[in-house]
Amino acid sequence: MKPTTNKEQLSLSKQMFLALKQAETKLDMMERSRSEPIAIIGIGCRFPGNANTPESFWELLSNGKDSVREIPLERWDIDSYYDPNPDTPGKMYIRHAALVDQVDRFDPQFFGISGREAHSLDPQQRFILEVTWEALERAGINPQQLKNTQTGVFLGIGQNDYANLGLSQVENISPYDGTGNGFCFAAGRLSYSLGLQGPSIAIDTACSSSLVAIHEACQSLRQGESNLALAGGVQLILSPQMTTALSRLKA
């Protein structure tokens, strides 16, 4: 075995030192990324009490306004479903709820969606498109400029009342009912609509869905999977089924 010269040993030492410094730099970057601050640059919202902007929502909270009201007829006939006894089958023991207004309003042409497809589109998906657009405008970002960018979508969603209402008659199911009501399609539709190339994930962890979606968005940003993240959640109570089930649980 040929012995190494002093010059060769020095060269190897330099290479080892350089590799060590590179590893230390990479490790330092990984450690710093775990606690890197995340900037929230735009917000859009729809909340009960006609709180449809961040300003109006803050005003509702600051004034202690109660947005709970008797369930209106356009949701369902509460008199037909109400019974003070929670053990009564097919009934609910509550008459009031905090509900978002104007869930039937939508401009499909703005998003390049046909009227026929819009009819099969869960209002939750409609809200996602509209409110995301508003949030981007508030951030000073032209939504059309996000095309082909590494922007991720992280969406908390877990209620499918519109599907329960519209798919009860099998003979009337349209080709758009599947994509209009599946949770995975809700996130995918937003990514497709804006031409995004980042992760696109629908998350259902019950009441923590939106929180988990935001957590996943932060992780994606810190790990470099996304350069920008659209994160949030949506839930619309449109039918009495789930409320009836929760009433039976006395929840």
C-alpha atoms as a PDB file:
ATOM      1  CA  MET A   1       0.000   0.000   0.000  1.00  0.00           C
ATOM      2  CA  LYS A   2       1.434   3.304  -1.089  1.00  0.00           C
ATOM      3  CA  PRO A   3       1.842   5.736   1.810  1.00  0.00           C
ATOM      4  CA  THR A   4       0.165   9.117   1.475  1.00  0.00           C
ATOM      5  CA  THR A   5       2.317  12.172   1.274  1.00  0.00           C
ATOM      6  CA  ASN A   6       1.963  15.171   3.519  1.00  0.00           C
ATOM      7  CA  LYS A   7       0.450  17.077   0.612  1.00  0.00           C
ATOM      8  CA  GLU A   8      -2.166  14.367   0.030  1.00  0.00           C
ATOM      9  CA  GLN A   9      -2.992  14.215   3.749  1.00  0.00           C
ATOM     10  CA  LEU A  10      -3.463  17.973   3.776  1.00  0.00           C
ATOM     11  CA  SER A  11      -5.783  17.759   0.762  1.00  0.00           C
ATOM     12  CA  LEU A  12      -7.871  15.033   2.444  1.00  0.00           C
ATOM     13  CA  SER A  13      -8.054  17.080   5.632  1.00  0.00           C
ATOM     14  CA  LYS A  14      -9.303  20.081   3.669  1.00  0.00           C
ATOM     15  CA  GLN A  15     -11.966  17.954   1.967  1.00  0.00           C
ATOM     16  CA  MET A  16     -13.109  16.536   5.311  1.00  0.00           C
ATOM     17  CA  PHE A  17     -13.205  20.006   6.853  1.00  0.00           C
ATOM     18  CA  LEU A  18     -15.202  21.355   3.899  1.00  0.00           C
ATOM     19  CA  ALA A  19     -17.680  18.444   4.096  1.00  0.00           C
ATOM     20  CA  LEU A  20     -18.050  19.025   7.836  1.00  0.00           C
ATOM     21  CA  LYS A  21     -18.746  22.732   7.344  1.00  0.00           C
ATOM     22  CA  GLN A  22     -21.320  21.956   4.652  1.00  0.00           C
ATOM     23  CA  ALA A  23     -23.047  19.457   6.958  1.00  0.00           C
ATOM     24  CA  GLU A  24     -23.050  21.998   9.804  1.00  0.00           C
ATOM     25  CA  THR A  25     -24.526  24.669   7.520  1.00  0.00           C
ATOM     26  CA  LYS A  26     -27.243  22.308   6.303  1.00  0.00           C
ATOM     27  CA  LEU A  27     -28.065  21.214   9.859  1.00  0.00           C
ATOM     28  CA  ASP A  28     -28.208  24.838  11.002  1.00  0.00           C
ATOM     29  CA  MET A  29     -30.601  25.701   8.170  1.00  0.00           C
ATOM     30  CA  MET A  30     -32.824  22.749   9.086  1.00  0.00           C
ATOM     31  CA  GLU A  31     -32.892  23.772  12.745  1.00  0.00           C
ATOM     32  CA  ARG A  32     -33.697  27.396  11.926  1.00  0.00           C
ATOM     33  CA  SER A  33     -36.443  26.384   9.493  1.00  0.00           C
ATOM     34  CA  ARG A  34     -38.307  24.584  12.287  1.00  0.00           C
ATOM     35  CA  SER A  35     -38.921  27.861  14.084  1.00  0.00           C
ATOM     36  CA  GLU A  36     -38.937  30.208  11.109  1.00  0.00           C
ATOM     37  CA  PRO A  37     -41.745  32.788  11.502  1.00  0.00           C
ATOM     38  CA  ILE A  38     -44.632  32.476   9.042  1.00  0.00           C
ATOM     39  CA  ALA A  39     -46.150  35.686   7.660  1.00  0.00           C
ATOM     40  CA  ILE A  40     -49.923  35.911   7.162  1.00  0.00           C
ATOM     41  CA  ILE A  41     -50.247  38.337   4.267  1.00  0.00           C
ATOM     42  CA  GLY A  42     -53.932  38.113   3.342  1.00  0.00           C
ATOM     43  CA  ILE A  43     -57.214  37.024   4.932  1.00  0.00           C
ATOM     44  CA  GLY A  44     -60.699  36.344   3.578  1.00  0.00           C
ATOM     45  CA  CYS A  45     -63.701  35.100   5.523  1.00  0.00           C
ATOM     46  CA  ARG A  46     -67.405  34.305   5.732  1.00  0.00           C
ATOM     47  CA  PHE A  47     -68.838  34.051   9.242  1.00  0.00           C
ATOM     48  CA  PRO A  48     -72.302  34.055  10.814  1.00  0.00           C
ATOM     49  CA  GLY A  49     -73.617  37.485  11.712  1.00  0.00           C
ATOM     50  CA  ASN A  50     -72.865  38.822   8.224  1.00  0.00           C
ATOM     51  CA  ALA A  51     -69.165  39.005   9.093  1.00  0.00           C
ATOM     52  CA  ASN A  52     -67.879  38.683   5.538  1.00  0.00           C
ATOM     53  CA  THR A  53     -64.651  40.662   5.908  1.00  0.00           C
ATOM     54  CA  PRO A  54     -61.878  40.549   8.516  1.00  0.00           C
ATOM     55  CA  GLU A  55     -62.951  44.031   9.652  1.00  0.00           C
ATOM     56  CA  SER A  56     -66.595  43.080  10.169  1.00  0.00           C
ATOM     57  CA  PHE A  57     -65.580  39.871  11.933  1.00  0.00           C
ATOM     58  CA  TRP A  58     -63.337  41.835  14.300  1.00  0.00           C
ATOM     59  CA  GLU A  59     -66.171  44.273  14.941  1.00  0.00           C
ATOM     60  CA  LEU A  60     -68.514  41.373  15.745  1.00  0.00           C
ATOM     61  CA  LEU A  61     -66.017  40.011  18.269  1.00  0.00           C
ATOM     62  CA  SER A  62     -65.171  43.406  19.774  1.00  0.00           C
ATOM     63  CA  ASN A  63     -68.831  44.279  20.308  1.00  0.00           C
ATOM     64  CA  GLY A  64     -69.668  40.861  21.717  1.00  0.00           C
ATOM     65  CA  LYS A  65     -72.409  40.388  19.138  1.00  0.00           C
ATOM     66  CA  ASP A  66     -74.332  37.114  19.298  1.00  0.00           C
ATOM     67  CA  SER A  67     -74.872  35.682  15.807  1.00  0.00           C
ATOM     68  CA  VAL A  68     -76.950  32.709  16.996  1.00  0.00           C
ATOM     69  CA  ARG A  69     -80.557  32.782  15.744  1.00  0.00           C
ATOM     70  CA  GLU A  70     -83.475  30.471  15.170  1.00  0.00           C
ATOM     71  CA  ILE A  71     -82.818  28.140  12.262  1.00  0.00           C
ATOM     72  CA  PRO A  72     -84.512  29.754   9.229  1.00  0.00           C
ATOM     73  CA  LEU A  73     -86.908  27.987   6.899  1.00  0.00           C
ATOM     74  CA  GLU A  74     -84.458  28.181   3.986  1.00  0.00           C
ATOM     75  CA  ARG A  75     -82.244  25.704   5.893  1.00  0.00           C
ATOM     76  CA  TRP A  76     -85.035  23.407   7.087  1.00  0.00           C
ATOM     77  CA  ASP A  77     -88.409  23.545   8.807  1.00  0.00           C
ATOM     78  CA  ILE A  78     -87.326  23.580  12.436  1.00  0.00           C
ATOM     79  CA  ASP A  79     -90.881  23.033  13.661  1.00  0.00           C
ATOM     80  CA  SER A  80     -90.898  19.663  11.898  1.00  0.00           C
ATOM     81  CA  TYR A  81     -87.633  18.546  13.476  1.00  0.00           C
ATOM     82  CA  TYR A  82     -87.696  20.116  16.930  1.00  0.00           C
ATOM     83  CA  ASP A  83     -88.441  18.151  20.077  1.00  0.00           C
ATOM     84  CA  PRO A  84     -87.123  19.114  23.524  1.00  0.00           C
ATOM     85  CA  ASN A  85     -86.500  15.445  24.289  1.00  0.00           C
ATOM     86  CA  PRO A  86     -83.083  14.517  22.797  1.00  0.00           C
ATOM     87  CA  ASP A  87     -84.026  10.835  22.803  1.00  0.00           C
ATOM     88  CA  THR A  88     -86.885  11.308  20.345  1.00  0.00           C
ATOM     89  CA  PRO A  89     -85.919   9.508  17.084  1.00  0.00           C
ATOM     90  CA  GLY A  90     -85.515  11.747  14.046  1.00  0.00           C
ATOM     91  CA  LYS A  91     -85.689  14.951  16.079  1.00  0.00           C
ATOM     92  CA  MET A  92     -83.297  17.590  17.417  1.00  0.00           C
ATOM     93  CA  TYR A  93     -83.538  19.384  20.744  1.00  0.00           C
ATOM     94  CA  ILE A  94     -82.124  22.703  19.495  1.00  0.00           C
ATOM     95  CA  ARG A  95     -83.897  25.447  17.582  1.00  0.00           C
ATOM     96  CA  HIS A  96     -81.023  27.898  17.160  1.00  0.00           C
ATOM     97  CA  ALA A  97     -77.688  27.973  15.346  1.00  0.00           C
ATOM     98  CA  ALA A  98     -75.030  30.368  14.030  1.00  0.00           C
ATOM     99  CA  LEU A  99     -75.362  30.154  10.250  1.00  0.00           C
ATOM    100  CA  VAL A 100     -73.760  31.909   7.297  1.00  0.00           C
ATOM    101  CA  ASP A 101     -76.144  33.832   5.043  1.00  0.00           C
ATOM    102  CA  GLN A 102     -76.505  33.796   1.251  1.00  0.00           C
ATOM    103  CA  VAL A 103     -74.994  30.376   0.696  1.00  0.00           C
ATOM    104  CA  ASP A 104     -76.793  30.179  -2.661  1.00  0.00           C
ATOM    105  CA  ARG A 105     -75.033  33.218  -4.172  1.00  0.00           C
ATOM    106  CA  PHE A 106     -72.288  32.482  -6.695  1.00  0.00           C
ATOM    107  CA  ASP A 107     -70.992  33.831 -10.009  1.00  0.00           C
ATOM    108  CA  PRO A 108     -69.847  30.708 -11.894  1.00  0.00           C
ATOM    109  CA  GLN A 109     -68.810  32.589 -15.039  1.00  0.00           C
ATOM    110  CA  PHE A 110     -66.192  34.523 -13.063  1.00  0.00           C
ATOM    111  CA  PHE A 111     -64.422  31.230 -12.382  1.00  0.00           C
ATOM    112  CA  GLY A 112     -65.087  29.730 -15.815  1.00  0.00           C
ATOM    113  CA  ILE A 113     -67.680  27.263 -14.514  1.00  0.00           C
ATOM    114  CA  SER A 114     -70.805  26.409 -16.500  1.00  0.00           C
ATOM    115  CA  GLY A 115     -74.239  26.864 -14.978  1.00  0.00           C
ATOM    116  CA  ARG A 116     -74.885  23.126 -15.109  1.00  0.00           C
ATOM    117  CA  GLU A 117     -71.689  22.316 -13.240  1.00  0.00           C
ATOM    118  CA  ALA A 118     -72.302  25.119 -10.730  1.00  0.00           C
ATOM    119  CA  HIS A 119     -75.652  23.550  -9.848  1.00  0.00           C
ATOM    120  CA  SER A 120     -73.823  20.389  -8.740  1.00  0.00           C
ATOM    121  CA  LEU A 121     -71.106  22.345  -6.937  1.00  0.00           C
ATOM    122  CA  ASP A 122     -71.199  22.179  -3.144  1.00  0.00           C
ATOM    123  CA  PRO A 123     -71.582  25.757  -1.804  1.00  0.00           C
ATOM    124  CA  GLN A 124     -68.522  24.997   0.311  1.00  0.00           C
ATOM    125  CA  GLN A 125     -66.459  24.719  -2.867  1.00  0.00           C
ATOM    126  CA  ARG A 126     -67.993  27.968  -4.105  1.00  0.00           C
ATOM    127  CA  PHE A 127     -66.998  29.708  -0.878  1.00  0.00           C
ATOM    128  CA  ILE A 128     -63.453  28.375  -1.181  1.00  0.00           C
ATOM    129  CA  LEU A 129     -63.040  29.896  -4.639  1.00  0.00           C
ATOM    130  CA  GLU A 130     -64.555  33.250  -3.690  1.00  0.00           C
ATOM    131  CA  VAL A 131     -62.890  33.750  -0.322  1.00  0.00           C
ATOM    132  CA  THR A 132     -59.468  32.659  -1.585  1.00  0.00           C
ATOM    133  CA  TRP A 133     -59.717  35.220  -4.377  1.00  0.00           C
ATOM    134  CA  GLU A 134     -60.591  37.904  -1.827  1.00  0.00           C
ATOM    135  CA  ALA A 135     -57.685  36.911   0.437  1.00  0.00           C
ATOM    136  CA  LEU A 136     -55.216  37.116  -2.451  1.00  0.00           C
ATOM    137  CA  GLU A 137     -56.520  40.525  -3.496  1.00  0.00           C
ATOM    138  CA  ARG A 138     -56.148  41.746   0.085  1.00  0.00           C
ATOM    139  CA  ALA A 139     -52.573  40.488   0.024  1.00  0.00           C
ATOM    140  CA  GLY A 140     -51.897  42.507  -3.118  1.00  0.00           C
ATOM    141  CA  ILE A 141     -51.411  39.357  -5.176  1.00  0.00           C
ATOM    142  CA  ASN A 142     -52.931  38.963  -8.620  1.00  0.00           C
ATOM    143  CA  PRO A 143     -54.430  35.441  -8.459  1.00  0.00           C
ATOM    144  CA  GLN A 144     -53.706  34.907 -12.144  1.00  0.00           C
ATOM    145  CA  GLN A 145     -49.984  35.402 -11.505  1.00  0.00           C
ATOM    146  CA  LEU A 146     -49.849  32.319  -9.273  1.00  0.00           C
ATOM    147  CA  LYS A 147     -50.132  29.995 -12.259  1.00  0.00           C
ATOM    148  CA  ASN A 148     -47.344  27.372 -12.321  1.00  0.00           C
ATOM    149  CA  THR A 149     -45.997  28.518  -8.940  1.00  0.00           C
ATOM    150  CA  GLN A 150     -45.153  26.232  -6.029  1.00  0.00           C
ATOM    151  CA  THR A 151     -48.215  27.367  -4.080  1.00  0.00           C
ATOM    152  CA  GLY A 152     -49.841  24.804  -1.794  1.00  0.00           C
ATOM    153  CA  VAL A 153     -53.492  24.377  -0.794  1.00  0.00           C
ATOM    154  CA  PHE A 154     -54.342  23.061   2.675  1.00  0.00           C
ATOM    155  CA  LEU A 155     -58.058  22.860   3.294  1.00  0.00           C
ATOM    156  CA  GLY A 156     -60.006  21.766   6.336  1.00  0.00           C
ATOM    157  CA  ILE A 157     -63.368  20.336   5.259  1.00  0.00           C
ATOM    158  CA  GLY A 158     -65.574  17.652   6.754  1.00  0.00           C
ATOM    159  CA  GLN A 159     -69.270  18.229   6.094  1.00  0.00           C
ATOM    160  CA  ASN A 160     -71.070  17.097   2.952  1.00  0.00           C
ATOM    161  CA  ASP A 161     -74.680  18.165   3.496  1.00  0.00           C
ATOM    162  CA  TYR A 162     -75.077  19.313  -0.107  1.00  0.00           C
ATOM    163  CA  ALA A 163     -74.298  15.821  -1.362  1.00  0.00           C
ATOM    164  CA  ASN A 164     -76.830  14.333   1.047  1.00  0.00           C
ATOM    165  CA  LEU A 165     -79.462  16.723  -0.250  1.00  0.00           C
ATOM    166  CA  GLY A 166     -78.703  16.357  -3.951  1.00  0.00           C
ATOM    167  CA  LEU A 167     -77.742  12.708  -4.386  1.00  0.00           C
ATOM    168  CA  SER A 168     -80.745  11.071  -2.745  1.00  0.00           C
ATOM    169  CA  GLN A 169     -82.283  10.305  -6.160  1.00  0.00           C
ATOM    170  CA  VAL A 170     -79.823   8.164  -8.110  1.00  0.00           C
ATOM    171  CA  GLU A 171     -81.544   8.726 -11.456  1.00  0.00           C
ATOM    172  CA  ASN A 172     -80.850  12.472 -11.215  1.00  0.00           C
ATOM    173  CA  ILE A 173     -77.099  12.225 -10.557  1.00  0.00           C
ATOM    174  CA  SER A 174     -75.073  14.254 -13.074  1.00  0.00           C
ATOM    175  CA  PRO A 175     -71.437  13.833 -14.189  1.00  0.00           C
ATOM    176  CA  TYR A 176     -70.522  16.847 -12.055  1.00  0.00           C
ATOM    177  CA  ASP A 177     -71.932  15.582  -8.754  1.00  0.00           C
ATOM    178  CA  GLY A 178     -68.819  13.591  -7.884  1.00  0.00           C
ATOM    179  CA  THR A 179     -66.311  16.378  -8.468  1.00  0.00           C
ATOM    180  CA  GLY A 180     -68.737  18.907  -7.046  1.00  0.00           C
ATOM    181  CA  ASN A 181     -69.034  17.204  -3.672  1.00  0.00           C
ATOM    182  CA  GLY A 182     -65.922  15.131  -2.916  1.00  0.00           C
ATOM    183  CA  PHE A 183     -63.626  16.635  -0.279  1.00  0.00           C
ATOM    184  CA  CYS A 184     -60.486  15.895  -2.302  1.00  0.00           C
ATOM    185  CA  PHE A 185     -61.945  17.772  -5.262  1.00  0.00           C
ATOM    186  CA  ALA A 186     -62.515  20.868  -3.114  1.00  0.00           C
ATOM    187  CA  ALA A 187     -58.777  21.389  -2.646  1.00  0.00           C
ATOM    188  CA  GLY A 188     -57.994  20.188  -6.160  1.00  0.00           C
ATOM    189  CA  ARG A 189     -60.489  22.566  -7.743  1.00  0.00           C
ATOM    190  CA  LEU A 190     -58.805  25.560  -6.130  1.00  0.00           C
ATOM    191  CA  SER A 191     -55.364  24.386  -7.246  1.00  0.00           C
ATOM    192  CA  TYR A 192     -56.638  23.717 -10.762  1.00  0.00           C
ATOM    193  CA  SER A 193     -58.523  27.002 -10.980  1.00  0.00           C
ATOM    194  CA  LEU A 194     -55.392  29.002 -10.169  1.00  0.00           C
ATOM    195  CA  GLY A 195     -52.937  26.674 -11.928  1.00  0.00           C
ATOM    196  CA  LEU A 196     -51.004  25.921  -8.735  1.00  0.00           C
ATOM    197  CA  GLN A 197     -48.217  23.325  -8.646  1.00  0.00           C
ATOM    198  CA  GLY A 198     -47.761  22.878  -4.886  1.00  0.00           C
ATOM    199  CA  PRO A 199     -49.334  20.284  -2.575  1.00  0.00           C
ATOM    200  CA  SER A 200     -53.143  20.169  -2.608  1.00  0.00           C
ATOM    201  CA  ILE A 201     -54.618  18.515   0.466  1.00  0.00           C
ATOM    202  CA  ALA A 202     -58.114  18.240   1.958  1.00  0.00           C
ATOM    203  CA  ILE A 203     -58.047  17.504   5.689  1.00  0.00           C
ATOM    204  CA  ASP A 204     -60.853  16.113   7.844  1.00  0.00           C
ATOM    205  CA  THR A 205     -60.005  15.879  11.544  1.00  0.00           C
ATOM    206  CA  ALA A 206     -63.476  16.930  12.718  1.00  0.00           C
ATOM    207  CA  CYS A 207     -63.470  20.164  14.731  1.00  0.00           C
ATOM    208  CA  SER A 208     -59.702  20.642  14.371  1.00  0.00           C
ATOM    209  CA  SER A 209     -59.649  20.432  10.558  1.00  0.00           C
ATOM    210  CA  SER A 210     -58.810  24.096   9.937  1.00  0.00           C
ATOM    211  CA  LEU A 211     -56.180  24.124  12.686  1.00  0.00           C
ATOM    212  CA  VAL A 212     -54.477  21.048  11.248  1.00  0.00           C
ATOM    213  CA  ALA A 213     -54.655  22.536   7.747  1.00  0.00           C
ATOM    214  CA  ILE A 214     -52.808  25.649   8.920  1.00  0.00           C
ATOM    215  CA  HIS A 215     -50.237  23.517  10.741  1.00  0.00           C
ATOM    216  CA  GLU A 216     -49.600  21.483   7.592  1.00  0.00           C
ATOM    217  CA  ALA A 217     -49.283  24.681   5.557  1.00  0.00           C
ATOM    218  CA  CYS A 218     -46.638  26.013   7.956  1.00  0.00           C
ATOM    219  CA  GLN A 219     -44.724  22.743   7.788  1.00  0.00           C
ATOM    220  CA  SER A 220     -44.828  22.772   4.000  1.00  0.00           C
ATOM    221  CA  LEU A 221     -43.441  26.302   3.908  1.00  0.00           C
ATOM    222  CA  ARG A 222     -40.673  25.526   6.390  1.00  0.00           C
ATOM    223  CA  GLN A 223     -39.638  22.383   4.544  1.00  0.00           C
ATOM    224  CA  GLY A 224     -39.520  24.189   1.213  1.00  0.00           C
ATOM    225  CA  GLU A 225     -42.332  22.164  -0.369  1.00  0.00           C
ATOM    226  CA  SER A 226     -44.323  25.372  -0.917  1.00  0.00           C
ATOM    227  CA  ASN A 227     -43.264  28.951  -1.538  1.00  0.00           C
ATOM    228  CA  LEU A 228     -46.749  30.235  -0.707  1.00  0.00           C
ATOM    229  CA  ALA A 229     -49.621  28.476   1.053  1.00  0.00           C
ATOM    230  CA  LEU A 230     -53.388  28.919   0.930  1.00  0.00           C
ATOM    231  CA  ALA A 231     -54.735  27.545   4.208  1.00  0.00           C
ATOM    232  CA  GLY A 232     -58.098  27.554   5.931  1.00  0.00           C
ATOM    233  CA  GLY A 233     -61.336  25.691   6.332  1.00  0.00           C
ATOM    234  CA  VAL A 234     -64.999  25.619   5.410  1.00  0.00           C
ATOM    235  CA  GLN A 235     -68.157  24.186   6.941  1.00  0.00           C
ATOM    236  CA  LEU A 236     -71.759  24.814   5.961  1.00  0.00           C
ATOM    237  CA  ILE A 237     -74.702  23.236   7.770  1.00  0.00           C
ATOM    238  CA  LEU A 238     -77.305  22.761   5.042  1.00  0.00           C
ATOM    239  CA  SER A 239     -79.345  19.767   6.165  1.00  0.00           C
ATOM    240  CA  PRO A 240     -80.733  18.476   9.477  1.00  0.00           C
ATOM    241  CA  GLN A 241     -79.076  15.042   9.387  1.00  0.00           C
ATOM    242  CA  MET A 242     -75.847  15.766  11.279  1.00  0.00           C
ATOM    243  CA  THR A 243     -77.558  18.063  13.775  1.00  0.00           C
ATOM    244  CA  THR A 244     -80.078  15.302  14.443  1.00  0.00           C
ATOM    245  CA  ALA A 245     -77.272  12.785  14.977  1.00  0.00           C
ATOM    246  CA  LEU A 246     -75.470  15.122  17.381  1.00  0.00           C
ATOM    247  CA  SER A 247     -78.717  15.690  19.250  1.00  0.00           C
ATOM    248  CA  ARG A 248     -79.035  11.936  19.779  1.00  0.00           C
ATOM    249  CA  LEU A 249     -75.537  12.083  21.293  1.00  0.00           C
ATOM    250  CA  LYS A 250     -76.668  15.017  23.469  1.00  0.00           C
ATOM    251  CA  ALA A 251     -73.726  16.943  22.036  1.00  0.00           C
END
